[in-house]
Each structure stands twice: as C-alpha cells, then as structure tokens.
Amino acid sequence: MPVSYVSMGSRVVLAGESCVRGKLSSASSTEFTLDAFCRGLAKLRSEVKVEQSPPWVGERVAVAYDTAGMFVKAVWSLPAAVEPHPSAVAQALRDKPFDGVTGRIDFKQSRVGADRNLAILRVPDIGDMAVQPECVYLIGILGAHDQHRREDGCPARR
C-alpha cells in the first residue's frame, strides 16, 4: 500500500543510505552540516551496533537533533551575566535563525515557524522497509540556495 505524508525532516530522509553510512558529501555551509550529522550518526550506530533499520534516517531523528542544537545555541548566545531563564532563551530563539540539518528554522517572522521546509514524501509500499521515501512536493530550501530543483520543488538528481 502506498503512503504519502508531510515531512519536516525531508532533507535528512532524502539523503538516504549514504547518510546512514556516514559517507554523504554535501556542499552545505550551515553550522550544523548534514555531513557532520551523517558522520556522527554513523559513528553512533556502529558504537551501539544497530543491525537492522531502514536505509534512510528517520525524520524524527533529524527534527530532534535540530531541536537540541537550536536550544543549545540559544542558551550559548546569552550574555554570561544572564541566567538562562525560559524567557531569555525564548527571546534568543526568536533573535537569530538556526541553520540545521532539516534546513533553516526562523521564528523572527512567525512564532510557530510557519516558513519551515515542508515536503510531501511518498513511500510506494509501506510494508517494504528497503524502499526509500521519494519527494512528491517541497516548499522551502533544503540546502544550498542554488540547488537544482524540479518543477514540484523537490531536489533534482544530477
């Protein structure tokens, strides 16, 4: 049975098996690059000896990674004299956009991140874990601004 779903972590999902193996080569200039994420994830998986999993990284892993990174960056950005009070951290989250593995997260214009990258991904057969989801439609910027895109916004394969 085919299934389509909305993804906030499509950049990592679409990186596919190369990300799982930690061999990704991207031209990302973000602070927390997709390359670093994939290398770190592959190292962690080898240390905990993950044997069976889909040939792509789940989007929840990427969204959780960005959430933690965004929070840490917000706390680190506070002046040393400022206690990391929830309101100070919230203000820091709104002050500067965060470039993570799922793309840019910016709460300056919208407090709910309304301009986040969103994609419709499709799995041709929900029962076949070996088949990677494919992009059907995408809004936002997954990586470099000069990234080649198809008409539906999805990354074009070269």
Protein backbone atom coordinates (compact mmCIF):
# COMPACT_ATOMS: atom_id res chain seq x y z
CA MET A 1 0.00 0.00 0.00
CA PRO A 2 1.46 3.41 -0.96
CA VAL A 3 1.53 6.15 1.69
CA SER A 4 2.17 9.88 1.35
CA TYR A 5 2.97 12.03 4.37
CA VAL A 6 4.13 15.53 5.30
CA SER A 7 7.74 15.72 6.45
CA MET A 8 9.65 18.44 8.30
CA GLY A 9 12.86 16.40 8.09
CA SER A 10 12.87 15.61 4.40
CA ARG A 11 16.42 16.86 3.85
CA VAL A 12 17.78 14.05 6.02
CA VAL A 13 15.33 11.43 4.76
CA LEU A 14 16.20 12.21 1.15
CA ALA A 15 19.94 11.99 1.92
CA GLY A 16 19.23 8.26 2.03
CA GLU A 17 21.57 5.39 2.57
CA SER A 18 24.70 7.47 2.09
CA CYS A 19 23.77 9.43 5.24
CA VAL A 20 23.18 6.22 7.20
CA ARG A 21 26.67 5.06 6.16
CA GLY A 22 28.16 8.48 7.04
CA LYS A 23 29.54 8.94 3.53
CA LEU A 24 27.50 11.94 2.46
CA SER A 25 29.24 14.68 0.55
CA SER A 26 27.22 17.87 0.51
CA ALA A 27 28.10 21.46 -0.18
CA SER A 28 26.25 22.71 2.89
CA SER A 29 27.60 25.80 4.59
CA THR A 30 25.36 25.54 7.64
CA GLU A 31 26.82 25.49 11.11
CA PHE A 32 25.46 22.02 11.84
CA THR A 33 26.06 20.47 8.47
CA LEU A 34 24.32 17.46 7.08
CA ASP A 35 27.75 15.90 6.57
CA ALA A 36 28.62 16.21 10.27
CA PHE A 37 25.21 14.87 11.27
CA CYS A 38 25.56 11.84 8.98
CA ARG A 39 29.11 11.08 10.12
CA GLY A 40 28.13 11.36 13.77
CA LEU A 41 25.05 9.22 13.30
CA ALA A 42 27.02 6.51 11.51
CA LYS A 43 29.58 6.51 14.32
CA LEU A 44 26.87 6.27 16.96
CA ARG A 45 25.12 3.45 15.10
CA SER A 46 28.37 1.48 14.91
CA GLU A 47 29.05 2.01 18.62
CA VAL A 48 25.61 0.78 19.66
CA LYS A 49 25.71 -1.90 16.96
CA VAL A 50 22.45 -1.11 15.15
CA GLU A 51 21.91 -4.05 12.85
CA GLN A 52 18.54 -3.56 11.18
CA SER A 53 16.96 -0.32 10.14
CA PRO A 54 15.61 1.35 7.01
CA PRO A 55 18.22 2.55 4.50
CA TRP A 56 17.49 6.18 5.38
CA VAL A 57 17.45 8.29 8.54
CA GLY A 58 14.05 8.86 10.09
CA GLU A 59 12.87 12.43 10.14
CA ARG A 60 12.18 12.37 13.87
CA VAL A 61 15.89 11.83 14.48
CA ALA A 62 16.70 14.92 12.41
CA VAL A 63 13.98 17.08 13.98
CA ALA A 64 15.10 16.08 17.49
CA TYR A 65 18.74 16.80 16.56
CA ASP A 66 17.83 20.28 15.32
CA THR A 67 15.64 20.97 18.35
CA ALA A 68 18.50 20.15 20.71
CA GLY A 69 21.00 22.14 18.62
CA MET A 70 18.72 25.14 18.40
CA PHE A 71 18.17 25.14 22.17
CA VAL A 72 21.90 24.79 22.95
CA LYS A 73 22.77 27.59 20.51
CA ALA A 74 20.13 29.85 22.09
CA VAL A 75 21.49 29.23 25.61
CA TRP A 76 25.10 29.75 24.49
CA SER A 77 24.15 33.04 22.84
CA LEU A 78 23.04 34.57 26.16
CA PRO A 79 25.44 37.00 27.80
CA ALA A 80 27.43 35.43 30.64
CA ALA A 81 25.65 37.66 33.17
CA VAL A 82 22.20 36.46 32.05
CA GLU A 83 20.78 33.45 33.82
CA PRO A 84 19.30 31.06 31.23
CA HIS A 85 15.73 31.92 32.22
CA PRO A 86 12.99 30.49 29.94
CA SER A 87 12.02 33.96 28.68
CA ALA A 88 15.66 34.82 27.86
CA VAL A 89 16.03 31.53 25.96
CA ALA A 90 12.74 32.14 24.13
CA GLN A 91 13.94 35.59 23.08
CA ALA A 92 17.25 34.13 21.88
CA LEU A 93 15.31 31.59 19.79
CA ARG A 94 13.45 34.48 18.12
CA ASP A 95 16.53 36.66 17.58
CA LYS A 96 18.50 34.59 15.08
CA PRO A 97 17.61 31.89 12.58
CA PHE A 98 19.08 28.44 13.09
CA ASP A 99 20.54 26.51 10.15
CA GLY A 100 20.17 22.85 10.96
CA VAL A 101 20.12 19.52 9.21
CA THR A 102 16.43 19.92 8.38
CA GLY A 103 17.01 23.37 6.88
CA ARG A 104 16.57 26.91 8.20
CA ILE A 105 14.40 27.46 11.27
CA ASP A 106 13.42 31.07 11.85
CA PHE A 107 10.98 32.30 14.49
CA LYS A 108 11.50 36.00 13.77
CA GLN A 109 8.56 36.39 11.36
CA SER A 110 6.40 33.61 12.77
CA ARG A 111 6.42 32.27 16.31
CA VAL A 112 5.35 28.85 15.02
CA GLY A 113 7.97 28.55 12.29
CA ALA A 114 5.41 28.94 9.50
CA ASP A 115 8.14 29.21 6.86
CA ARG A 116 9.77 25.85 7.70
CA ASN A 117 10.73 23.41 4.99
CA LEU A 118 7.86 21.05 4.35
CA ALA A 119 7.71 18.20 1.90
CA ILE A 120 5.24 15.59 0.87
CA LEU A 121 7.11 12.32 0.76
CA ARG A 122 5.75 9.10 -0.67
CA VAL A 123 6.56 5.54 0.21
CA PRO A 124 5.48 3.24 -2.65
CA ASP A 125 4.84 0.32 -0.29
CA ILE A 126 4.52 0.91 3.45
CA GLY A 127 5.38 -2.75 4.06
CA ASP A 128 8.74 -2.60 2.26
CA MET A 129 11.31 -1.06 4.61
CA ALA A 130 14.05 -1.26 1.95
CA VAL A 131 12.39 1.32 -0.32
CA GLN A 132 13.35 4.90 0.47
CA PRO A 133 10.65 7.60 0.52
CA GLU A 134 10.62 9.86 -2.53
CA CYS A 135 9.86 13.56 -2.73
CA VAL A 136 6.50 14.47 -4.28
CA TYR A 137 6.32 18.17 -3.41
CA LEU A 138 8.54 20.55 -1.44
CA ILE A 139 8.35 24.12 -0.18
CA GLY A 140 11.36 25.79 1.37
CA ILE A 141 15.08 25.41 0.88
CA LEU A 142 16.66 22.10 1.73
CA GLY A 143 20.28 23.04 1.21
CA ALA A 144 22.22 25.45 -0.92
CA HIS A 145 20.22 28.30 -2.46
CA ASP A 146 21.49 27.32 -5.90
CA GLN A 147 20.25 23.74 -5.51
CA HIS A 148 18.78 22.27 -8.69
CA ARG A 149 15.04 21.77 -8.26
CA ARG A 150 12.31 20.09 -10.23
CA GLU A 151 9.04 21.87 -11.00
CA ASP A 152 7.46 20.38 -7.86
CA GLY A 153 10.23 21.93 -5.71
CA CYS A 154 11.91 18.59 -4.98
CA PRO A 155 15.67 18.27 -5.40
CA ALA A 156 16.67 17.22 -8.89
CA ARG A 157 19.10 14.35 -9.25
CA ARG A 158 22.11 15.20 -11.38
